[in-house]
Amino acid sequence: MAERTIAEILEALARIETNVKTIAENGADHEERLRALEQKNGKRYEALTLSVLTAALVGVIGFVLGKLF
């Protein structure tokens, strides 16, 4: 009876180990996807800032060229 209980415990431990490995692997994948989502808004803000600066620069250059000619 004790041998059977030990065998059952070892089987359960093997299943737990497999589950922990699976959770760890999935956790790493979720971490990568979360980082990508967090950076998405930053990239949009950078693109918006670049657009505004480009428009302002083109406006200034246009104004200067208009005054020259």
N, C-alpha and C. Protein backbone atom coordinates (compact mmCIF):
# COMPACT_ATOMS: atom_id res chain seq x y z
N MET A 1 0.82 -1.19 0.00
CA MET A 1 0.00 0.00 0.00
C MET A 1 0.87 1.27 0.00
N ALA A 2 1.91 1.31 0.77
CA ALA A 2 2.80 2.46 0.82
C ALA A 2 3.49 2.66 -0.51
N GLU A 3 3.85 1.56 -1.17
CA GLU A 3 4.49 1.65 -2.47
C GLU A 3 3.55 2.25 -3.51
N ARG A 4 2.28 1.87 -3.43
CA ARG A 4 1.29 2.41 -4.36
C ARG A 4 1.10 3.91 -4.13
N THR A 5 1.06 4.32 -2.89
CA THR A 5 0.89 5.74 -2.56
C THR A 5 2.09 6.54 -3.06
N ILE A 6 3.28 6.02 -2.88
CA ILE A 6 4.48 6.71 -3.37
C ILE A 6 4.44 6.82 -4.88
N ALA A 7 4.02 5.76 -5.56
CA ALA A 7 3.93 5.79 -7.03
C ALA A 7 2.91 6.83 -7.48
N GLU A 8 1.77 6.91 -6.79
CA GLU A 8 0.76 7.90 -7.13
C GLU A 8 1.29 9.32 -6.91
N ILE A 9 2.02 9.50 -5.83
CA ILE A 9 2.60 10.81 -5.54
C ILE A 9 3.61 11.19 -6.62
N LEU A 10 4.43 10.24 -7.05
CA LEU A 10 5.41 10.52 -8.10
C LEU A 10 4.74 10.84 -9.42
N GLU A 11 3.65 10.15 -9.74
CA GLU A 11 2.90 10.46 -10.97
C GLU A 11 2.30 11.85 -10.90
N ALA A 12 1.73 12.18 -9.76
CA ALA A 12 1.13 13.51 -9.58
C ALA A 12 2.21 14.58 -9.68
N LEU A 13 3.37 14.32 -9.11
CA LEU A 13 4.47 15.27 -9.16
C LEU A 13 4.93 15.48 -10.60
N ALA A 14 4.98 14.42 -11.39
CA ALA A 14 5.36 14.53 -12.80
C ALA A 14 4.35 15.38 -13.56
N ARG A 15 3.07 15.20 -13.28
CA ARG A 15 2.03 16.01 -13.94
C ARG A 15 2.15 17.47 -13.53
N ILE A 16 2.42 17.72 -12.26
CA ILE A 16 2.58 19.09 -11.78
C ILE A 16 3.78 19.74 -12.46
N GLU A 17 4.86 19.01 -12.58
CA GLU A 17 6.06 19.54 -13.23
C GLU A 17 5.77 19.91 -14.69
N THR A 18 5.03 19.06 -15.38
CA THR A 18 4.66 19.35 -16.77
C THR A 18 3.80 20.60 -16.84
N ASN A 19 2.85 20.73 -15.93
CA ASN A 19 1.98 21.90 -15.92
C ASN A 19 2.76 23.18 -15.62
N VAL A 20 3.71 23.12 -14.72
CA VAL A 20 4.52 24.29 -14.39
C VAL A 20 5.35 24.71 -15.60
N LYS A 21 5.93 23.74 -16.31
CA LYS A 21 6.70 24.06 -17.51
C LYS A 21 5.82 24.74 -18.55
N THR A 22 4.62 24.22 -18.75
CA THR A 22 3.70 24.79 -19.73
C THR A 22 3.32 26.22 -19.34
N ILE A 23 3.04 26.43 -18.08
CA ILE A 23 2.68 27.78 -17.61
C ILE A 23 3.85 28.74 -17.79
N ALA A 24 5.06 28.29 -17.52
CA ALA A 24 6.23 29.15 -17.68
C ALA A 24 6.44 29.53 -19.13
N GLU A 25 6.27 28.58 -20.04
CA GLU A 25 6.43 28.85 -21.47
C GLU A 25 5.36 29.83 -21.95
N ASN A 26 4.12 29.63 -21.55
CA ASN A 26 3.05 30.52 -21.95
C ASN A 26 3.22 31.91 -21.32
N GLY A 27 3.74 31.96 -20.12
CA GLY A 27 3.97 33.24 -19.45
C GLY A 27 4.98 34.08 -20.21
N ALA A 28 6.01 33.45 -20.74
CA ALA A 28 7.02 34.19 -21.51
C ALA A 28 6.39 34.77 -22.77
N ASP A 29 5.53 34.00 -23.42
CA ASP A 29 4.85 34.47 -24.63
C ASP A 29 3.94 35.65 -24.29
N HIS A 30 3.22 35.56 -23.20
CA HIS A 30 2.33 36.65 -22.80
C HIS A 30 3.13 37.90 -22.47
N GLU A 31 4.28 37.71 -21.86
CA GLU A 31 5.13 38.85 -21.51
C GLU A 31 5.56 39.60 -22.76
N GLU A 32 5.96 38.88 -23.81
CA GLU A 32 6.38 39.51 -25.06
C GLU A 32 5.22 40.28 -25.69
N ARG A 33 4.04 39.68 -25.69
CA ARG A 33 2.89 40.34 -26.30
C ARG A 33 2.48 41.58 -25.51
N LEU A 34 2.57 41.53 -24.18
CA LEU A 34 2.26 42.70 -23.37
C LEU A 34 3.23 43.84 -23.64
N ARG A 35 4.51 43.53 -23.77
CA ARG A 35 5.50 44.56 -24.07
C ARG A 35 5.20 45.22 -25.41
N ALA A 36 4.81 44.41 -26.41
CA ALA A 36 4.49 44.96 -27.73
C ALA A 36 3.29 45.90 -27.65
N LEU A 37 2.28 45.51 -26.88
CA LEU A 37 1.10 46.37 -26.73
C LEU A 37 1.43 47.66 -25.99
N GLU A 38 2.29 47.57 -24.98
CA GLU A 38 2.66 48.76 -24.23
C GLU A 38 3.42 49.75 -25.09
N GLN A 39 4.22 49.25 -26.02
CA GLN A 39 5.02 50.13 -26.87
C GLN A 39 4.23 50.72 -28.03
N LYS A 40 3.07 50.15 -28.33
CA LYS A 40 2.29 50.60 -29.47
C LYS A 40 1.89 52.08 -29.34
N ASN A 41 1.41 52.49 -28.17
CA ASN A 41 1.01 53.89 -27.98
C ASN A 41 2.21 54.82 -28.08
N GLY A 42 3.35 54.40 -27.59
CA GLY A 42 4.55 55.22 -27.70
C GLY A 42 4.95 55.45 -29.14
N LYS A 43 4.84 54.42 -29.95
CA LYS A 43 5.18 54.55 -31.37
C LYS A 43 4.21 55.49 -32.07
N ARG A 44 2.95 55.43 -31.71
CA ARG A 44 1.97 56.34 -32.31
C ARG A 44 2.26 57.79 -31.93
N TYR A 45 2.62 58.00 -30.67
CA TYR A 45 2.94 59.35 -30.21
C TYR A 45 4.17 59.89 -30.95
N GLU A 46 5.17 59.03 -31.13
CA GLU A 46 6.37 59.45 -31.86
C GLU A 46 6.03 59.81 -33.30
N ALA A 47 5.17 59.02 -33.94
CA ALA A 47 4.78 59.31 -35.32
C ALA A 47 4.01 60.63 -35.40
N LEU A 48 3.13 60.88 -34.45
CA LEU A 48 2.37 62.12 -34.41
C LEU A 48 3.30 63.32 -34.20
N THR A 49 4.23 63.18 -33.29
CA THR A 49 5.19 64.26 -33.03
C THR A 49 6.02 64.55 -34.27
N LEU A 50 6.48 63.51 -34.95
CA LEU A 50 7.25 63.70 -36.17
C LEU A 50 6.43 64.41 -37.23
N SER A 51 5.16 64.05 -37.37
CA SER A 51 4.30 64.70 -38.35
C SER A 51 4.11 66.18 -38.04
N VAL A 52 3.89 66.50 -36.79
CA VAL A 52 3.69 67.89 -36.39
C VAL A 52 4.96 68.71 -36.64
N LEU A 53 6.10 68.15 -36.27
CA LEU A 53 7.36 68.86 -36.49
C LEU A 53 7.66 69.05 -37.97
N THR A 54 7.37 68.04 -38.77
CA THR A 54 7.58 68.14 -40.21
C THR A 54 6.68 69.22 -40.80
N ALA A 55 5.41 69.24 -40.39
CA ALA A 55 4.49 70.25 -40.90
C ALA A 55 4.94 71.65 -40.50
N ALA A 56 5.41 71.81 -39.28
CA ALA A 56 5.88 73.13 -38.83
C ALA A 56 7.11 73.55 -39.62
N LEU A 57 8.02 72.64 -39.85
CA LEU A 57 9.23 72.96 -40.60
C LEU A 57 8.90 73.33 -42.04
N VAL A 58 8.00 72.58 -42.67
CA VAL A 58 7.58 72.90 -44.04
C VAL A 58 6.91 74.26 -44.07
N GLY A 59 6.12 74.58 -43.06
CA GLY A 59 5.46 75.89 -42.99
C GLY A 59 6.48 77.02 -42.88
N VAL A 60 7.47 76.84 -42.04
CA VAL A 60 8.50 77.87 -41.88
C VAL A 60 9.28 78.05 -43.17
N ILE A 61 9.67 76.95 -43.80
CA ILE A 61 10.40 77.03 -45.07
C ILE A 61 9.54 77.70 -46.14
N GLY A 62 8.27 77.37 -46.21
CA GLY A 62 7.35 78.01 -47.16
C GLY A 62 7.22 79.49 -46.91
N PHE A 63 7.14 79.87 -45.64
CA PHE A 63 7.03 81.29 -45.28
C PHE A 63 8.28 82.05 -45.71
N VAL A 64 9.45 81.47 -45.43
CA VAL A 64 10.70 82.12 -45.79
C VAL A 64 10.82 82.25 -47.30
N LEU A 65 10.52 81.18 -48.03
CA LEU A 65 10.58 81.25 -49.49
C LEU A 65 9.57 82.24 -50.04
N GLY A 66 8.41 82.35 -49.42
CA GLY A 66 7.41 83.33 -49.86
C GLY A 66 7.89 84.75 -49.67
N LYS A 67 8.62 85.00 -48.60
CA LYS A 67 9.14 86.36 -48.36
C LYS A 67 10.28 86.70 -49.33
N LEU A 68 11.06 85.68 -49.73
CA LEU A 68 12.19 85.92 -50.62
C LEU A 68 11.74 86.21 -52.04
N PHE A 69 10.68 85.57 -52.49
CA PHE A 69 10.27 85.74 -53.88
C PHE A 69 9.00 86.51 -53.91
